[in-house]
Amino acid sequence: MEGDWEIAVHSTKGESAWQLHVDKIPGNTIKAVIQRIDGDTGSLYGDDHAENDTAEYTVSHLPRWPCPLLLQAPAGRTLLVSNLLNDKQTDLVARRPAEARKENLPHPPTHPADQH
């Protein structure tokens, strides 16, 4: 699950993709950040259940807080992203950048800070 992902979206701000980055950090924790056109979500943390075969992670701004996002890695090359605080939002599908290009999906927006 670690690394970069691209989430296909249809946002009210005209976005068609967001970037998701997931890292493992010490203490059996994962850190995720979603980059959008207007900034990022801030760091979202969750427990790394490496021994758990479900590959399902809940992440929030602080460990063990009510979790706004559920990341599920079903068999295959996609990641399902669910907003647990918004039952009207359907699951979003994230793909590795190379897979997104193979499917001709749009790139996430470029941010001025990324253009060094």
C-alpha atoms as a PDB file:
ATOM      1  CA  MET A   1       0.000   0.000   0.000  1.00  0.00           C
ATOM      2  CA  GLU A   2       2.982   2.320   0.450  1.00  0.00           C
ATOM      3  CA  GLY A   3       3.833   4.898  -2.168  1.00  0.00           C
ATOM      4  CA  ASP A   4       1.932   7.107  -4.579  1.00  0.00           C
ATOM      5  CA  TRP A   5      -1.632   6.605  -5.751  1.00  0.00           C
ATOM      6  CA  GLU A   6      -3.978   8.686  -7.877  1.00  0.00           C
ATOM      7  CA  ILE A   7      -7.643   8.943  -6.934  1.00  0.00           C
ATOM      8  CA  ALA A   8     -10.143   9.473  -9.746  1.00  0.00           C
ATOM      9  CA  VAL A   9     -12.682  12.120  -8.644  1.00  0.00           C
ATOM     10  CA  HIS A  10     -15.285  14.534  -9.953  1.00  0.00           C
ATOM     11  CA  SER A  11     -15.011  17.347  -7.436  1.00  0.00           C
ATOM     12  CA  THR A  12     -17.067  20.520  -7.182  1.00  0.00           C
ATOM     13  CA  LYS A  13     -13.808  22.412  -7.850  1.00  0.00           C
ATOM     14  CA  GLY A  14     -13.419  20.805 -11.267  1.00  0.00           C
ATOM     15  CA  GLU A  15     -10.766  18.282 -10.252  1.00  0.00           C
ATOM     16  CA  SER A  16     -10.640  14.882 -11.895  1.00  0.00           C
ATOM     17  CA  ALA A  17      -7.796  13.406  -9.825  1.00  0.00           C
ATOM     18  CA  TRP A  18      -6.149  13.748  -6.421  1.00  0.00           C
ATOM     19  CA  GLN A  19      -2.772  12.421  -5.347  1.00  0.00           C
ATOM     20  CA  LEU A  20      -2.572  10.069  -2.343  1.00  0.00           C
ATOM     21  CA  HIS A  21       0.763   9.269  -0.722  1.00  0.00           C
ATOM     22  CA  VAL A  22       1.077   6.524   1.908  1.00  0.00           C
ATOM     23  CA  ASP A  23       4.162   5.868   4.086  1.00  0.00           C
ATOM     24  CA  LYS A  24       4.932   3.403   6.842  1.00  0.00           C
ATOM     25  CA  ILE A  25       6.441   5.150   9.845  1.00  0.00           C
ATOM     26  CA  PRO A  26       7.946   3.734  13.067  1.00  0.00           C
ATOM     27  CA  GLY A  27       5.578   2.303  15.613  1.00  0.00           C
ATOM     28  CA  ASN A  28       3.440   0.169  13.253  1.00  0.00           C
ATOM     29  CA  THR A  29       1.780   3.272  11.859  1.00  0.00           C
ATOM     30  CA  ILE A  30       0.928   4.432   8.366  1.00  0.00           C
ATOM     31  CA  LYS A  31       0.727   8.071   7.305  1.00  0.00           C
ATOM     32  CA  ALA A  32      -1.404   9.161   4.361  1.00  0.00           C
ATOM     33  CA  VAL A  33      -1.821  12.568   2.711  1.00  0.00           C
ATOM     34  CA  ILE A  34      -4.246  13.483  -0.061  1.00  0.00           C
ATOM     35  CA  GLN A  35      -3.129  16.400  -2.234  1.00  0.00           C
ATOM     36  CA  ARG A  36      -5.930  18.386  -3.840  1.00  0.00           C
ATOM     37  CA  ILE A  37      -5.978  21.510  -5.987  1.00  0.00           C
ATOM     38  CA  ASP A  38      -6.428  23.721  -2.909  1.00  0.00           C
ATOM     39  CA  GLY A  39      -3.889  22.005  -0.654  1.00  0.00           C
ATOM     40  CA  ASP A  40      -3.709  18.768   1.239  1.00  0.00           C
ATOM     41  CA  THR A  41      -5.678  16.983   3.920  1.00  0.00           C
ATOM     42  CA  GLY A  42      -2.838  17.196   6.385  1.00  0.00           C
ATOM     43  CA  SER A  43      -1.296  13.991   7.663  1.00  0.00           C
ATOM     44  CA  LEU A  44      -3.714  11.150   8.353  1.00  0.00           C
ATOM     45  CA  TYR A  45      -2.505   8.336  10.607  1.00  0.00           C
ATOM     46  CA  GLY A  46      -3.596   4.759  11.190  1.00  0.00           C
ATOM     47  CA  ASP A  47      -2.323   1.504  12.619  1.00  0.00           C
ATOM     48  CA  ASP A  48      -0.376  -0.746  10.252  1.00  0.00           C
ATOM     49  CA  HIS A  49      -1.912  -4.201  10.539  1.00  0.00           C
ATOM     50  CA  ALA A  50       0.732  -5.961   8.441  1.00  0.00           C
ATOM     51  CA  GLU A  51      -0.328  -9.314   9.892  1.00  0.00           C
ATOM     52  CA  ASN A  52      -3.934  -8.644   8.907  1.00  0.00           C
ATOM     53  CA  ASP A  53      -4.776 -10.184   5.535  1.00  0.00           C
ATOM     54  CA  THR A  54      -7.611  -7.735   4.872  1.00  0.00           C
ATOM     55  CA  ALA A  55      -5.226  -4.881   3.964  1.00  0.00           C
ATOM     56  CA  GLU A  56      -7.752  -2.468   5.417  1.00  0.00           C
ATOM     57  CA  TYR A  57      -6.665   0.712   7.182  1.00  0.00           C
ATOM     58  CA  THR A  58      -8.580   3.478   8.887  1.00  0.00           C
ATOM     59  CA  VAL A  59      -6.764   6.792   9.030  1.00  0.00           C
ATOM     60  CA  SER A  60      -7.465  10.108  10.756  1.00  0.00           C
ATOM     61  CA  HIS A  61      -5.624  13.238  11.846  1.00  0.00           C
ATOM     62  CA  LEU A  62      -4.555  11.618  15.124  1.00  0.00           C
ATOM     63  CA  PRO A  63      -4.197   7.896  15.828  1.00  0.00           C
ATOM     64  CA  ARG A  64      -7.267   6.299  17.391  1.00  0.00           C
ATOM     65  CA  TRP A  65      -9.536   9.309  16.690  1.00  0.00           C
ATOM     66  CA  PRO A  66     -12.768   8.763  14.802  1.00  0.00           C
ATOM     67  CA  CYS A  67     -11.507   7.782  11.398  1.00  0.00           C
ATOM     68  CA  PRO A  68     -12.586   9.894   8.454  1.00  0.00           C
ATOM     69  CA  LEU A  69     -11.090   7.615   5.796  1.00  0.00           C
ATOM     70  CA  LEU A  70     -11.024   3.888   5.214  1.00  0.00           C
ATOM     71  CA  LEU A  71      -8.362   2.608   2.797  1.00  0.00           C
ATOM     72  CA  GLN A  72      -8.994  -0.883   1.454  1.00  0.00           C
ATOM     73  CA  ALA A  73      -6.614  -2.750  -0.809  1.00  0.00           C
ATOM     74  CA  PRO A  74      -8.656  -5.565  -2.362  1.00  0.00           C
ATOM     75  CA  ALA A  75      -6.964  -8.110  -4.600  1.00  0.00           C
ATOM     76  CA  GLY A  76      -5.668  -6.296  -7.646  1.00  0.00           C
ATOM     77  CA  ARG A  77      -3.997  -2.996  -8.363  1.00  0.00           C
ATOM     78  CA  THR A  78      -6.538  -0.597  -6.902  1.00  0.00           C
ATOM     79  CA  LEU A  79      -7.203   0.961  -3.533  1.00  0.00           C
ATOM     80  CA  LEU A  80     -10.704   1.888  -2.365  1.00  0.00           C
ATOM     81  CA  VAL A  81     -10.958   5.149  -0.419  1.00  0.00           C
ATOM     82  CA  SER A  82     -14.102   5.677   1.673  1.00  0.00           C
ATOM     83  CA  ASN A  83     -15.045   8.776   3.652  1.00  0.00           C
ATOM     84  CA  LEU A  84     -16.565   7.321   6.821  1.00  0.00           C
ATOM     85  CA  LEU A  85     -17.992  10.695   7.854  1.00  0.00           C
ATOM     86  CA  ASN A  86     -19.936  11.212   4.608  1.00  0.00           C
ATOM     87  CA  ASP A  87     -22.318   8.372   3.799  1.00  0.00           C
ATOM     88  CA  LYS A  88     -23.437  10.174   0.621  1.00  0.00           C
ATOM     89  CA  GLN A  89     -19.983   9.862  -0.959  1.00  0.00           C
ATOM     90  CA  THR A  90     -19.356   6.693  -2.896  1.00  0.00           C
ATOM     91  CA  ASP A  91     -16.066   4.864  -2.627  1.00  0.00           C
ATOM     92  CA  LEU A  92     -13.292   6.444  -4.653  1.00  0.00           C
ATOM     93  CA  VAL A  93     -10.843   4.280  -6.591  1.00  0.00           C
ATOM     94  CA  ALA A  94      -7.118   4.946  -6.384  1.00  0.00           C
ATOM     95  CA  ARG A  95      -4.581   3.518  -8.824  1.00  0.00           C
ATOM     96  CA  ARG A  96      -0.829   3.600  -9.067  1.00  0.00           C
ATOM     97  CA  PRO A  97       0.225   6.398 -11.474  1.00  0.00           C
ATOM     98  CA  ALA A  98       1.350   3.937 -14.165  1.00  0.00           C
ATOM     99  CA  GLU A  99      -2.012   2.140 -14.025  1.00  0.00           C
ATOM    100  CA  ALA A 100      -3.874   5.461 -14.216  1.00  0.00           C
ATOM    101  CA  ARG A 101      -1.918   6.372 -17.371  1.00  0.00           C
ATOM    102  CA  LYS A 102      -2.705   2.965 -18.939  1.00  0.00           C
ATOM    103  CA  GLU A 103      -6.393   3.741 -18.405  1.00  0.00           C
ATOM    104  CA  ASN A 104      -5.942   7.270 -19.819  1.00  0.00           C
ATOM    105  CA  LEU A 105      -7.088   8.882 -16.575  1.00  0.00           C
ATOM    106  CA  PRO A 106      -6.211  12.537 -15.979  1.00  0.00           C
ATOM    107  CA  HIS A 107      -3.162  13.538 -13.955  1.00  0.00           C
ATOM    108  CA  PRO A 108      -3.651  15.109 -10.518  1.00  0.00           C
ATOM    109  CA  PRO A 109      -3.272  18.895 -10.597  1.00  0.00           C
ATOM    110  CA  THR A 110       0.217  20.354 -10.472  1.00  0.00           C
ATOM    111  CA  HIS A 111       0.866  22.590  -7.503  1.00  0.00           C
ATOM    112  CA  PRO A 112       3.185  25.620  -7.630  1.00  0.00           C
ATOM    113  CA  ALA A 113       5.225  24.195  -4.738  1.00  0.00           C
ATOM    114  CA  ASP A 114       5.937  21.082  -6.838  1.00  0.00           C
ATOM    115  CA  GLN A 115       7.453  23.053  -9.732  1.00  0.00           C
ATOM    116  CA  HIS A 116      10.977  23.639  -8.406  1.00  0.00           C
END
